[in-house]
Protein backbone atom coordinates (compact mmCIF):
# COMPACT_ATOMS: atom_id res chain seq x y z
CA MET A 1 -58.52 31.80 -57.71
CA ALA A 2 -61.63 33.54 -56.45
CA ASP A 3 -64.38 33.99 -59.03
CA HIS A 4 -64.46 37.76 -58.45
CA ALA A 5 -61.08 38.05 -60.19
CA LEU A 6 -62.91 37.45 -63.49
CA ASP A 7 -65.94 39.63 -62.74
CA TRP A 8 -64.75 42.15 -65.34
CA GLN A 9 -65.42 39.60 -68.09
CA ALA A 10 -69.11 40.12 -67.45
CA ARG A 11 -68.57 43.51 -69.10
CA CYS A 12 -67.60 41.67 -72.31
CA PRO A 13 -70.97 40.77 -73.86
CA PHE A 14 -71.39 37.06 -74.60
CA TRP A 15 -73.56 35.22 -77.12
CA PRO A 16 -77.10 34.27 -76.05
CA ARG A 17 -77.18 30.92 -74.28
CA ASP A 18 -79.09 29.06 -77.01
CA VAL A 19 -76.74 30.38 -79.69
CA ALA A 20 -73.64 29.49 -77.68
CA ASP A 21 -74.99 25.98 -77.04
CA ARG A 22 -75.54 25.52 -80.77
CA TYR A 23 -71.94 26.51 -81.54
CA ARG A 24 -70.62 24.15 -78.88
CA GLU A 25 -72.75 21.22 -80.01
CA ALA A 26 -71.68 21.71 -83.63
CA GLY A 27 -68.00 21.54 -82.61
CA ILE A 28 -67.37 25.10 -83.76
CA TRP A 29 -66.30 26.16 -80.29
CA ARG A 30 -63.84 23.66 -78.85
CA TYR A 31 -62.50 23.36 -75.32
CA GLU A 32 -59.01 24.47 -76.27
CA THR A 33 -56.93 27.51 -75.38
CA PHE A 34 -54.06 29.05 -77.32
CA PHE A 35 -51.57 27.46 -74.99
CA ASP A 36 -53.24 24.08 -75.52
CA LEU A 37 -52.61 24.61 -79.22
CA LEU A 38 -48.91 25.29 -78.64
CA ALA A 39 -48.52 22.31 -76.30
CA ARG A 40 -50.18 20.02 -78.85
CA GLN A 41 -47.96 21.25 -81.68
CA ALA A 42 -44.81 20.95 -79.55
CA GLY A 43 -45.65 17.33 -78.76
CA ARG A 44 -46.45 16.57 -82.39
CA LEU A 45 -43.73 18.51 -84.20
CA GLY A 46 -40.86 18.66 -81.70
CA ARG A 47 -37.84 20.42 -83.21
CA ARG A 48 -39.52 21.49 -86.43
CA ILE A 49 -38.83 25.20 -86.89
CA ALA A 50 -41.69 27.35 -85.66
CA LEU A 51 -40.04 30.77 -85.78
CA ILE A 52 -37.19 32.42 -87.66
CA ASP A 53 -36.17 35.80 -86.26
CA GLY A 54 -32.88 37.10 -87.59
CA ALA A 55 -30.23 34.46 -86.93
CA ARG A 56 -32.47 32.59 -84.46
CA GLN A 57 -34.40 29.50 -85.47
CA ILE A 58 -36.77 28.35 -82.76
CA GLY A 59 -38.40 24.93 -82.78
CA TYR A 60 -41.93 24.18 -81.59
CA ASP A 61 -40.56 22.39 -78.53
CA ARG A 62 -38.31 25.31 -77.64
CA LEU A 63 -41.13 27.83 -78.10
CA HIS A 64 -43.29 25.76 -75.76
CA CYS A 65 -40.56 25.53 -73.11
CA ASP A 66 -39.76 29.24 -73.35
CA ALA A 67 -43.42 30.19 -72.98
CA LEU A 68 -43.72 28.02 -69.86
CA ALA A 69 -40.58 29.56 -68.36
CA LEU A 70 -41.77 33.09 -69.12
CA ALA A 71 -45.15 32.29 -67.59
CA GLY A 72 -43.27 31.36 -64.42
CA GLY A 73 -41.55 34.73 -64.24
CA LEU A 74 -44.75 36.65 -64.97
CA SER A 75 -46.50 34.68 -62.24
CA ALA A 76 -43.66 35.61 -59.85
CA LEU A 77 -44.47 39.27 -60.52
CA GLY A 78 -47.90 38.57 -59.07
CA LEU A 79 -49.84 38.42 -62.32
CA VAL A 80 -52.77 36.01 -62.12
CA ARG A 81 -55.58 34.76 -64.31
CA GLY A 82 -57.90 37.60 -65.22
CA ASP A 83 -55.34 40.39 -64.84
CA ARG A 84 -54.96 42.77 -67.78
CA VAL A 85 -51.64 44.07 -69.09
CA VAL A 86 -50.76 46.47 -71.91
CA VAL A 87 -48.33 44.96 -74.43
CA GLN A 88 -46.48 47.15 -76.94
CA PHE A 89 -43.81 45.14 -78.79
CA PRO A 90 -42.30 45.43 -82.25
CA ASN A 91 -42.23 42.44 -84.58
CA CYS A 92 -39.98 39.91 -82.86
CA GLY A 93 -39.92 36.32 -81.69
CA GLU A 94 -40.25 37.47 -78.07
CA PHE A 95 -43.74 38.77 -78.79
CA VAL A 96 -44.86 35.29 -79.84
CA THR A 97 -43.35 33.75 -76.70
CA LEU A 98 -44.98 36.44 -74.55
CA PHE A 99 -48.40 35.92 -76.13
CA PHE A 100 -48.37 32.20 -75.35
CA ALA A 101 -47.00 32.79 -71.84
CA LEU A 102 -49.82 35.19 -71.05
CA CYS A 103 -52.33 32.73 -72.51
CA ARG A 104 -50.92 29.99 -70.22
CA LEU A 105 -51.60 32.15 -67.16
CA GLY A 106 -54.89 33.57 -68.37
CA VAL A 107 -53.46 37.11 -68.16
CA VAL A 108 -55.11 39.23 -70.86
CA PRO A 109 -52.96 41.48 -73.10
CA VAL A 110 -54.27 44.73 -74.50
CA LEU A 111 -52.47 44.65 -77.86
CA ALA A 112 -51.23 48.19 -78.37
CA LEU A 113 -49.65 49.13 -81.68
CA PRO A 114 -46.01 50.28 -81.92
CA GLY A 115 -47.14 53.78 -82.89
CA HIS A 116 -49.37 54.35 -79.86
CA ARG A 117 -48.13 56.96 -77.41
CA ASP A 118 -49.00 58.48 -74.01
CA LEU A 119 -52.63 59.25 -74.75
CA GLU A 120 -53.57 55.81 -76.07
CA LEU A 121 -51.50 53.76 -73.64
CA GLY A 122 -52.86 55.76 -70.73
CA GLN A 123 -56.40 55.16 -71.91
CA PHE A 124 -55.83 51.43 -72.36
CA ALA A 125 -54.23 51.04 -68.94
CA ASP A 126 -56.79 53.15 -67.08
CA PHE A 127 -59.82 51.71 -68.86
CA THR A 128 -58.87 48.09 -68.16
CA GLY A 129 -57.16 48.52 -64.78
CA ALA A 130 -53.97 47.09 -66.27
CA ARG A 131 -51.46 45.65 -63.79
CA ALA A 132 -48.38 45.99 -66.01
CA ILE A 133 -47.01 47.49 -69.21
CA LEU A 134 -44.70 45.28 -71.25
CA THR A 135 -42.73 47.17 -73.85
CA ALA A 136 -39.57 47.01 -75.95
CA GLN A 137 -36.96 49.72 -75.84
CA GLU A 138 -35.93 51.06 -79.23
CA PRO A 139 -32.10 51.22 -79.33
CA LYS A 140 -31.98 54.41 -81.45
CA GLY A 141 -35.59 55.52 -81.45
CA TYR A 142 -38.40 56.61 -79.17
CA ASP A 143 -37.89 56.05 -75.44
CA MET A 144 -40.59 53.44 -74.88
CA VAL A 145 -39.62 52.81 -71.25
CA ALA A 146 -40.00 56.49 -70.39
CA LEU A 147 -43.40 56.39 -72.10
CA ALA A 148 -44.47 53.40 -70.00
CA ARG A 149 -43.19 55.08 -66.83
CA ARG A 150 -45.21 58.22 -67.55
CA VAL A 151 -48.33 56.10 -67.93
CA GLN A 152 -47.51 54.22 -64.72
CA GLU A 153 -47.30 57.54 -62.83
CA ARG A 154 -50.80 58.48 -63.99
CA VAL A 155 -52.52 55.08 -63.67
CA PRO A 156 -52.41 53.63 -60.13
CA SER A 157 -53.24 50.08 -61.21
CA VAL A 158 -49.96 49.72 -63.17
CA ARG A 159 -47.50 48.08 -60.77
CA HIS A 160 -44.84 46.86 -63.19
CA VAL A 161 -43.03 48.05 -66.30
CA VAL A 162 -41.23 45.25 -68.13
CA ALA A 163 -38.84 46.09 -70.96
CA LEU A 164 -37.22 44.06 -73.70
CA GLY A 165 -33.81 45.57 -74.40
CA ASP A 166 -32.17 48.31 -72.34
CA GLY A 167 -34.81 48.67 -69.65
CA ARG A 168 -32.79 50.77 -67.18
CA ASP A 169 -35.19 51.11 -64.22
CA ALA A 170 -37.73 48.64 -65.71
CA THR A 171 -37.85 44.91 -65.04
CA PRO A 172 -35.71 43.24 -67.74
CA PHE A 173 -37.78 40.95 -69.93
CA ASP A 174 -34.96 38.41 -70.11
CA SER A 175 -34.93 38.08 -66.31
CA LEU A 176 -38.46 36.66 -66.27
CA PHE A 177 -37.68 33.19 -67.63
CA ARG A 178 -38.23 30.96 -64.59
CA PRO A 179 -38.66 27.29 -65.58
CA ASP A 180 -38.29 26.24 -61.93
CA LEU A 181 -41.55 27.78 -60.72
CA PRO A 182 -44.83 25.83 -60.52
CA LEU A 183 -47.73 27.37 -62.41
CA PRO A 184 -51.36 27.79 -61.32
CA ALA A 185 -54.29 26.45 -63.30
CA GLY A 186 -54.76 28.13 -66.64
CA PRO A 187 -57.79 29.81 -68.23
CA ASN A 188 -60.97 28.33 -69.63
CA ALA A 189 -61.59 28.20 -73.36
CA GLU A 190 -64.37 30.78 -73.01
CA ASP A 191 -62.18 33.31 -71.15
CA VAL A 192 -61.02 36.43 -72.97
CA ALA A 193 -57.63 35.67 -74.54
CA CYS A 194 -56.71 39.22 -75.63
CA PHE A 195 -58.07 42.66 -76.42
CA GLN A 196 -57.71 43.89 -79.98
CA ILE A 197 -57.98 47.64 -80.56
CA SER A 198 -60.81 49.05 -82.64
CA GLY A 199 -60.23 52.24 -84.62
CA GLY A 200 -63.75 53.58 -84.02
CA THR A 201 -65.27 56.99 -83.91
CA THR A 202 -65.16 57.65 -80.16
CA GLY A 203 -62.31 59.15 -78.15
CA VAL A 204 -62.69 56.41 -75.53
CA PRO A 205 -60.77 53.29 -76.61
CA LYS A 206 -63.00 50.56 -77.99
CA LEU A 207 -61.56 47.23 -76.91
CA ILE A 208 -62.52 44.04 -78.72
CA PRO A 209 -62.57 41.01 -76.43
CA ARG A 210 -61.41 37.93 -78.34
CA ARG A 211 -61.99 34.65 -76.51
CA HIS A 212 -59.90 31.51 -76.90
CA MET A 213 -62.61 29.30 -78.38
CA GLU A 214 -63.99 31.77 -80.94
CA TYR A 215 -60.62 33.23 -81.93
CA LEU A 216 -59.26 29.73 -82.53
CA TYR A 217 -62.27 29.01 -84.73
CA ASN A 218 -61.49 32.24 -86.62
CA ILE A 219 -57.96 30.94 -87.17
CA ARG A 220 -59.04 27.45 -88.28
CA MET A 221 -61.38 28.90 -90.90
CA ALA A 222 -58.73 31.35 -92.12
CA VAL A 223 -56.17 28.54 -92.45
CA ALA A 224 -58.61 26.58 -94.58
CA ALA A 225 -59.43 29.60 -96.76
CA SER A 226 -55.75 30.34 -97.38
CA GLY A 227 -54.53 26.76 -97.85
CA LEU A 228 -51.84 26.76 -95.15
CA ASP A 229 -50.03 23.51 -94.26
CA GLY A 230 -46.80 22.28 -92.74
CA ASP A 231 -44.79 23.56 -95.72
CA THR A 232 -46.03 27.14 -95.34
CA ARG A 233 -43.39 29.77 -94.61
CA TYR A 234 -45.23 32.95 -93.62
CA LEU A 235 -43.42 36.29 -93.60
CA CYS A 236 -44.94 38.49 -90.88
CA VAL A 237 -44.51 42.02 -92.22
CA LEU A 238 -47.38 44.00 -90.65
CA PRO A 239 -47.41 44.70 -86.89
CA MET A 240 -47.84 41.28 -85.29
CA MET A 241 -50.51 42.37 -82.81
CA HIS A 242 -52.89 43.45 -85.59
CA ASN A 243 -55.78 41.05 -86.18
CA PHE A 244 -54.85 40.55 -89.85
CA PRO A 245 -51.20 39.34 -89.47
CA MET A 246 -52.03 37.68 -86.17
CA ALA A 247 -55.07 35.55 -86.92
CA CYS A 248 -56.31 35.87 -90.54
CA PRO A 249 -54.54 33.44 -90.66
CA GLY A 250 -51.34 35.26 -89.72
CA PHE A 251 -48.60 33.89 -87.52
CA LEU A 252 -51.02 32.06 -85.24
CA GLY A 253 -52.63 30.32 -88.21
CA THR A 254 -49.19 29.34 -89.50
CA LEU A 255 -48.36 27.72 -86.15
CA TRP A 256 -51.77 26.01 -86.10
CA ALA A 257 -50.95 24.51 -89.51
CA GLY A 258 -47.46 23.41 -88.42
CA GLY A 259 -45.63 25.86 -90.70
CA THR A 260 -42.84 28.34 -90.06
CA VAL A 261 -43.18 32.04 -89.21
CA VAL A 262 -40.43 34.34 -90.54
CA VAL A 263 -40.35 37.66 -88.68
CA ALA A 264 -39.75 40.82 -90.69
CA PRO A 265 -38.33 43.59 -88.47
CA GLU A 266 -39.29 46.26 -91.02
CA PRO A 267 -41.76 46.34 -93.95
CA GLU A 268 -39.21 47.90 -96.32
CA ALA A 269 -39.21 46.01 -99.62
CA GLY A 270 -35.45 45.38 -99.80
CA ILE A 271 -35.37 43.83 -96.33
CA CYS A 272 -38.43 41.69 -96.97
CA PHE A 273 -37.32 40.59 -100.45
CA ASP A 274 -34.06 39.36 -98.93
CA LEU A 275 -35.96 37.38 -96.29
CA ILE A 276 -38.26 35.89 -98.93
CA ALA A 277 -35.29 34.68 -101.00
CA ARG A 278 -33.18 33.49 -98.07
CA HIS A 279 -35.90 31.56 -96.24
CA ARG A 280 -37.99 30.51 -99.26
CA VAL A 281 -41.07 32.32 -97.96
CA THR A 282 -44.31 31.07 -99.51
CA MET A 283 -46.84 33.59 -98.20
CA THR A 284 -47.17 37.06 -96.72
CA ALA A 285 -49.79 39.75 -96.05
CA LEU A 286 -49.75 43.48 -96.76
CA VAL A 287 -51.99 46.53 -96.70
CA PRO A 288 -52.54 48.27 -100.07
CA PRO A 289 -49.95 51.07 -99.63
CA LEU A 290 -47.23 48.51 -98.88
CA ALA A 291 -48.30 46.35 -101.81
CA LEU A 292 -47.89 49.35 -104.13
CA LEU A 293 -44.45 50.13 -102.69
CA TRP A 294 -43.38 46.50 -103.17
CA LEU A 295 -44.58 46.55 -106.77
CA ASP A 296 -42.55 49.67 -107.51
CA ALA A 297 -39.49 48.30 -105.69
CA GLN A 298 -39.58 45.00 -107.56
CA ALA A 299 -39.61 46.84 -110.87
CA GLY A 300 -36.22 48.27 -109.95
CA LEU A 301 -34.69 45.42 -107.95
CA GLY A 302 -35.79 42.32 -109.83
CA ALA A 303 -35.49 40.32 -106.59
CA ASP A 304 -35.80 36.53 -106.42
CA LEU A 305 -39.41 36.04 -105.28
CA SER A 306 -39.79 32.64 -106.92
CA SER A 307 -40.80 30.91 -103.67
CA LEU A 308 -43.65 33.34 -102.97
CA GLN A 309 -46.95 31.67 -103.84
CA LEU A 310 -49.58 33.84 -102.16
CA LEU A 311 -49.86 37.53 -101.28
CA GLN A 312 -52.79 38.54 -99.11
CA VAL A 313 -53.86 42.18 -99.28
CA GLY A 314 -56.33 43.58 -96.76
CA GLY A 315 -56.93 46.29 -94.19
CA ALA A 316 -58.32 48.61 -96.88
CA LYS A 317 -59.66 48.17 -100.39
CA LEU A 318 -57.12 47.42 -103.12
CA ASN A 319 -58.11 49.13 -106.34
CA PRO A 320 -58.52 46.81 -109.33
CA SER A 321 -55.75 48.36 -111.43
CA SER A 322 -53.22 47.66 -108.66
CA ALA A 323 -54.66 44.19 -108.05
CA ARG A 324 -54.02 43.26 -111.68
CA ARG A 325 -50.29 43.97 -111.24
CA ILE A 326 -49.68 41.43 -108.47
CA ARG A 327 -49.44 38.23 -110.49
CA PRO A 328 -47.37 39.50 -113.46
CA GLU A 329 -45.01 41.69 -111.42
CA LEU A 330 -44.56 39.73 -108.18
CA GLY A 331 -45.16 36.29 -109.69
CA CYS A 332 -47.63 35.09 -107.05
CA GLN A 333 -51.36 34.77 -106.58
CA LEU A 334 -53.30 37.57 -104.93
CA GLN A 335 -55.84 36.84 -102.21
CA GLN A 336 -58.02 39.78 -101.22
CA VAL A 337 -58.99 39.84 -97.54
CA PHE A 338 -61.79 41.95 -96.14
CA GLY A 339 -62.69 41.88 -92.50
CA MET A 340 -62.68 43.53 -89.13
CA ALA A 341 -61.13 42.86 -85.74
CA GLU A 342 -64.69 42.60 -84.40
CA GLY A 343 -65.13 39.36 -86.34
CA LEU A 344 -66.18 38.77 -89.95
CA VAL A 345 -63.41 37.88 -92.40
CA CYS A 346 -63.93 37.38 -96.15
CA PHE A 347 -61.41 35.90 -98.61
CA THR A 348 -61.28 35.53 -102.33
CA ALA A 349 -60.89 31.79 -102.96
CA LEU A 350 -57.64 30.30 -104.20
CA THR A 351 -59.66 28.77 -107.06
CA ASP A 352 -61.41 32.01 -108.04
CA SER A 353 -60.93 33.49 -111.50
CA GLU A 354 -58.54 36.40 -111.86
CA GLU A 355 -61.48 38.73 -112.53
CA ARG A 356 -63.19 37.73 -109.28
CA ILE A 357 -59.96 38.12 -107.31
CA VAL A 358 -59.32 41.55 -108.79
CA ASN A 359 -62.85 42.94 -108.51
CA THR A 360 -64.30 41.54 -105.27
CA GLN A 361 -63.33 41.20 -101.62
CA GLY A 362 -64.36 37.56 -101.48
CA ARG A 363 -66.88 35.58 -99.48
CA PRO A 364 -67.29 34.97 -95.73
CA MET A 365 -64.87 32.29 -94.57
CA SER A 366 -67.40 30.42 -92.41
CA PRO A 367 -70.75 28.89 -93.42
CA TRP A 368 -71.97 30.08 -90.00
CA ASP A 369 -71.41 33.74 -90.83
CA GLU A 370 -74.72 35.59 -91.13
CA LEU A 371 -74.62 38.70 -93.33
CA ARG A 372 -77.20 41.21 -94.36
CA ILE A 373 -76.94 44.48 -96.25
CA ILE A 374 -79.34 47.16 -95.06
CA ARG A 375 -80.46 50.12 -97.12
CA PRO A 376 -80.79 53.61 -95.56
CA ASP A 377 -84.56 53.05 -95.32
CA GLY A 378 -83.98 50.01 -93.08
CA ARG A 379 -84.94 47.38 -95.65
CA GLU A 380 -82.61 44.60 -96.75
CA ALA A 381 -80.84 45.38 -100.03
CA ALA A 382 -81.34 43.30 -103.14
CA ILE A 383 -78.44 41.57 -104.91
CA GLY A 384 -76.16 44.24 -106.36
CA GLU A 385 -77.69 47.01 -104.27
CA PRO A 386 -75.43 48.83 -101.77
CA GLY A 387 -76.13 49.28 -98.09
CA GLU A 388 -74.57 48.95 -94.67
CA LEU A 389 -73.01 45.54 -94.02
CA GLN A 390 -74.25 43.91 -90.82
CA VAL A 391 -72.93 40.60 -89.49
CA ARG A 392 -73.19 38.10 -86.67
CA GLY A 393 -71.68 34.67 -86.18
CA PRO A 394 -69.52 32.40 -84.03
CA TYR A 395 -66.42 34.62 -84.16
CA THR A 396 -68.06 38.06 -84.40
CA ILE A 397 -68.24 39.70 -80.99
CA ARG A 398 -71.53 40.69 -79.40
CA GLY A 399 -70.17 43.90 -77.89
CA TYR A 400 -67.12 45.94 -76.92
CA TYR A 401 -65.66 45.80 -73.45
CA ASP A 402 -67.55 47.92 -70.88
CA MET A 403 -69.37 50.10 -73.41
CA ALA A 404 -73.05 49.35 -72.89
CA GLY A 405 -74.20 52.67 -74.32
CA HIS A 406 -72.11 52.41 -77.46
CA ASN A 407 -72.97 48.72 -77.89
CA ALA A 408 -76.66 49.64 -78.07
CA GLN A 409 -75.83 51.67 -81.18
CA ALA A 410 -73.13 49.45 -82.72
CA PHE A 411 -75.14 46.21 -82.45
CA THR A 412 -78.74 45.53 -83.41
CA ALA A 413 -81.25 44.11 -80.96
CA ASP A 414 -80.90 40.71 -82.63
CA GLY A 415 -77.10 40.70 -82.30
CA PHE A 416 -75.84 41.91 -85.70
CA TYR A 417 -72.75 44.12 -85.69
CA ARG A 418 -73.27 47.33 -87.64
CA SER A 419 -69.95 47.44 -89.45
CA GLY A 420 -70.31 50.91 -90.95
CA ASP A 421 -69.01 49.53 -94.27
CA ILE A 422 -71.05 50.20 -97.38
CA ALA A 423 -71.02 47.07 -99.53
CA ARG A 424 -73.03 45.06 -102.01
CA ARG A 425 -73.18 41.37 -102.90
CA ASP A 426 -73.11 39.83 -106.32
CA ALA A 427 -75.23 36.87 -107.41
CA ASP A 428 -72.55 34.42 -106.19
CA GLY A 429 -72.39 35.93 -102.71
CA ALA A 430 -69.09 37.80 -103.13
CA ILE A 431 -68.70 41.08 -101.26
CA ILE A 432 -67.79 44.31 -103.06
CA VAL A 433 -66.86 47.08 -100.62
CA GLU A 434 -67.81 50.59 -101.70
CA GLY A 435 -67.01 52.81 -98.72
CA ARG A 436 -67.90 53.52 -95.10
CA ALA A 437 -70.85 55.04 -93.31
CA LYS A 438 -68.96 55.67 -90.08
CA ASP A 439 -67.08 58.87 -89.49
CA GLN A 440 -63.59 57.47 -89.52
CA VAL A 441 -60.59 57.64 -91.84
CA ASN A 442 -58.82 54.55 -93.19
CA ARG A 443 -55.21 55.64 -93.57
CA GLY A 444 -53.23 52.75 -95.03
CA GLY A 445 -55.29 50.18 -93.10
CA GLU A 446 -55.27 52.14 -89.82
CA LYS A 447 -58.85 53.13 -89.02
CA ILE A 448 -58.77 56.46 -87.20
CA GLY A 449 -61.69 57.84 -85.22
CA VAL A 450 -61.76 61.58 -85.94
CA ASP A 451 -63.51 62.69 -82.74
CA GLU A 452 -60.36 62.20 -80.68
CA VAL A 453 -58.25 64.27 -83.08
CA GLU A 454 -60.86 67.01 -83.27
CA ASP A 455 -61.12 67.23 -79.48
CA LEU A 456 -57.37 67.65 -79.11
CA LEU A 457 -57.26 70.31 -81.82
CA VAL A 458 -60.00 72.32 -80.15
CA ALA A 459 -57.98 72.22 -76.92
CA HIS A 460 -55.33 74.42 -78.61
CA ALA A 461 -55.66 78.12 -77.78
CA SER A 462 -55.70 79.18 -81.45
CA VAL A 463 -58.49 76.80 -82.54
CA LEU A 464 -62.14 77.67 -82.18
CA ASP A 465 -63.47 74.53 -83.87
CA ALA A 466 -62.13 71.62 -85.90
CA ALA A 467 -63.40 69.08 -88.41
CA VAL A 468 -61.25 66.15 -89.51
CA VAL A 469 -61.98 64.19 -92.69
CA GLY A 470 -60.18 61.89 -95.08
CA ARG A 471 -59.13 62.82 -98.57
CA PRO A 472 -58.42 60.29 -101.33
CA ASP A 473 -54.80 59.30 -101.78
CA ALA A 474 -53.37 56.96 -104.39
CA LEU A 475 -50.84 55.41 -101.98
CA MET A 476 -52.49 55.41 -98.55
CA GLY A 477 -56.11 55.10 -99.64
CA GLU A 478 -56.92 58.14 -97.52
CA ARG A 479 -54.94 60.82 -95.76
CA LEU A 480 -56.06 62.78 -92.73
CA CYS A 481 -57.01 66.41 -93.24
CA ALA A 482 -57.98 68.83 -90.47
CA PHE A 483 -60.07 71.93 -91.13
CA VAL A 484 -59.89 74.47 -88.30
CA LEU A 485 -61.53 77.77 -87.42
CA ALA A 486 -59.31 80.38 -85.75
CA ALA A 487 -60.09 81.50 -82.22
CA PRO A 488 -60.64 85.30 -82.04
CA GLY A 489 -57.41 87.25 -82.29
CA THR A 490 -55.28 84.22 -83.20
CA THR A 491 -53.72 82.69 -86.29
CA PRO A 492 -53.52 78.86 -86.21
CA ARG A 493 -50.26 77.55 -87.63
CA PRO A 494 -50.30 74.00 -89.04
CA GLY A 495 -46.86 73.10 -87.71
CA ALA A 496 -47.73 74.28 -84.21
CA LEU A 497 -50.98 72.29 -84.26
CA ARG A 498 -49.19 69.12 -85.31
CA ARG A 499 -46.65 69.62 -82.51
CA HIS A 500 -49.53 70.16 -80.09
CA LEU A 501 -51.06 66.82 -81.07
CA ALA A 502 -47.72 65.03 -80.74
CA GLU A 503 -47.08 66.59 -77.34
CA ALA A 504 -50.55 65.48 -76.23
CA GLY A 505 -49.38 61.91 -76.82
CA LEU A 506 -51.36 61.23 -80.01
CA ALA A 507 -50.01 58.43 -82.20
CA ALA A 508 -48.09 59.70 -85.23
CA PHE A 509 -50.41 57.99 -87.74
CA LYS A 510 -53.35 59.99 -86.31
CA ILE A 511 -51.71 63.40 -86.81
CA PRO A 512 -53.26 65.12 -89.85
CA ASP A 513 -51.23 65.18 -93.03
CA GLU A 514 -52.82 68.50 -93.95
CA VAL A 515 -54.22 71.38 -91.87
CA ILE A 516 -56.43 74.00 -93.56
CA VAL A 517 -57.68 77.18 -91.86
CA LEU A 518 -61.20 78.30 -92.86
CA ASP A 519 -63.32 81.34 -92.03
CA ARG A 520 -66.42 79.17 -91.56
CA PHE A 521 -67.55 75.56 -91.92
CA PRO A 522 -70.20 74.57 -94.45
CA GLN A 523 -73.33 73.42 -92.64
CA THR A 524 -76.11 70.92 -93.21
CA GLY A 525 -79.75 71.87 -93.08
CA VAL A 526 -79.86 71.17 -89.34
CA GLY A 527 -76.78 73.25 -88.56
CA LYS A 528 -74.16 70.48 -88.34
CA VAL A 529 -70.76 70.69 -90.00
CA ASN A 530 -71.19 69.41 -93.55
CA LYS A 531 -68.23 67.04 -93.77
CA ARG A 532 -69.36 65.72 -97.10
CA GLN A 533 -68.88 69.18 -98.58
CA LEU A 534 -65.44 69.40 -96.95
CA ARG A 535 -64.49 66.10 -98.58
CA GLU A 536 -65.72 67.40 -101.92
CA GLN A 537 -63.60 70.50 -101.47
CA LEU A 538 -60.54 68.32 -100.91
CA ARG A 539 -61.37 66.10 -103.85
CA GLU A 540 -61.68 69.11 -106.15
CA ALA A 541 -58.39 70.54 -104.87
CA HIS A 542 -56.42 67.31 -105.27
CA PHE A 543 -58.32 65.64 -108.13
CA PRO A 544 -59.83 68.38 -110.32
CA ASP A 545 -60.22 65.94 -113.23
CA PRO A 546 -63.65 64.21 -112.75
CA VAL A 547 -62.33 60.94 -114.25
CA ALA A 548 -59.38 60.88 -111.83
CA ALA A 549 -61.70 61.70 -108.95
CA ARG A 550 -63.95 58.75 -109.80
CA GLN A 551 -60.94 56.45 -110.07
CA GLU A 552 -59.68 57.51 -106.65
CA GLU A 553 -63.17 57.15 -105.18
CA SER A 554 -63.42 53.58 -106.50
CA ALA A 555 -60.00 52.81 -105.02
């Protein structure tokens, strides 16, 4: 393949040469791809069960063979190393097979979430020059194939739509298994393996390039921090393409350790409790709102969760009062996980005291992680003093894909990622997260950039201006609230504005839970919208009791 086919990777910032050489020499970065991992495990473990999805039990050897056959069919479509494709699958065994097949070819998936719609998928496809969209048709739900076709009509680079399920005029996923076809050479370990999606504060999608060698190091460290081994049975509840259930350690870490991944089609407690009991699940991972729902469900169901040893909770901060309920009510140990798809991951240790597990978000999982906490005046914070968390290391990216201008703001001159999280460290090095500096809302673990929502609201004829903020919520952590000013002679109606956002193709989780019409926005001293005052207004409306407000703020 000509070198120019990978020219786009030059727009994915790499580590400085001396730093990269140090990581290689230390054995941190290894010359292994994700497909190399699968091939090694298939040779070592053979028929041991890798995946359980409904009635299907798939061995490591079968997973390896299926991924090779699928790679053959994808290659027959004309996909080659360096091509980008948008992948939007639900939780299913086919997603795992597809991920490894793409890794074998060196075709790079943009990992879209199930809730993304026309706007986001169109942006992903156009921004990356995607050659295909691979999706899964929902039997009784949203028409995902029609969605993919609409994007294909708008984005000239998209040549194929592949559908799992009833694809109608799309290429059937099941038709792509071609074990008879020879395959070209695969990718290098330093190639981009996939694009994770960042929830940032810009309307343009921020794509996180994760490379084979550094993402595999991420996984190895997460496996060690979580104690996975060949007896692990990991229930994958959260969307499988998310960084947390994918690689921290997630289903990929479970396969690296030689364990078994059990796929949960839905996060509903009754479904998952049945899977835990039936397959003797030992570990799973949730975001805080789901953890609270599971706690409440278990109080009524009294399900058999005796096999469950470890529950990871991450994606947003779990308040201490909820954290204390995990062990007595679910009967398993809690492990708090704090991190970001850009890199850094922190875990509470399995040997930590209950107080440390409940009250901190753990320590960095790698001794090579470099952290600093910077005060507003630019100086490094003392122990116990809050500031913005900045990080660099062997699995923390050095920049987003093709965003040189934004990278200059999001990364320091010496390569530290400005996370936007406000945190402090205790004397033992544990991280305590206190909030965020960036203008985004964390709704149940989904980080939502408000600029995009505001821009779409202002596009409505009845809206003069819009400001979107988060308000505290006991279940979701935060909910999205839009304040709008009426255009002259109009009366904005919340229902109509929500429909407008949905019709514009905005993902459902980004549509505001609450829309409030104001006569004017409060302003800062320099004439900007004072969002802090808007948040205070919401807090007073929903939590008039100062004690309750402080409790929600700490959560």
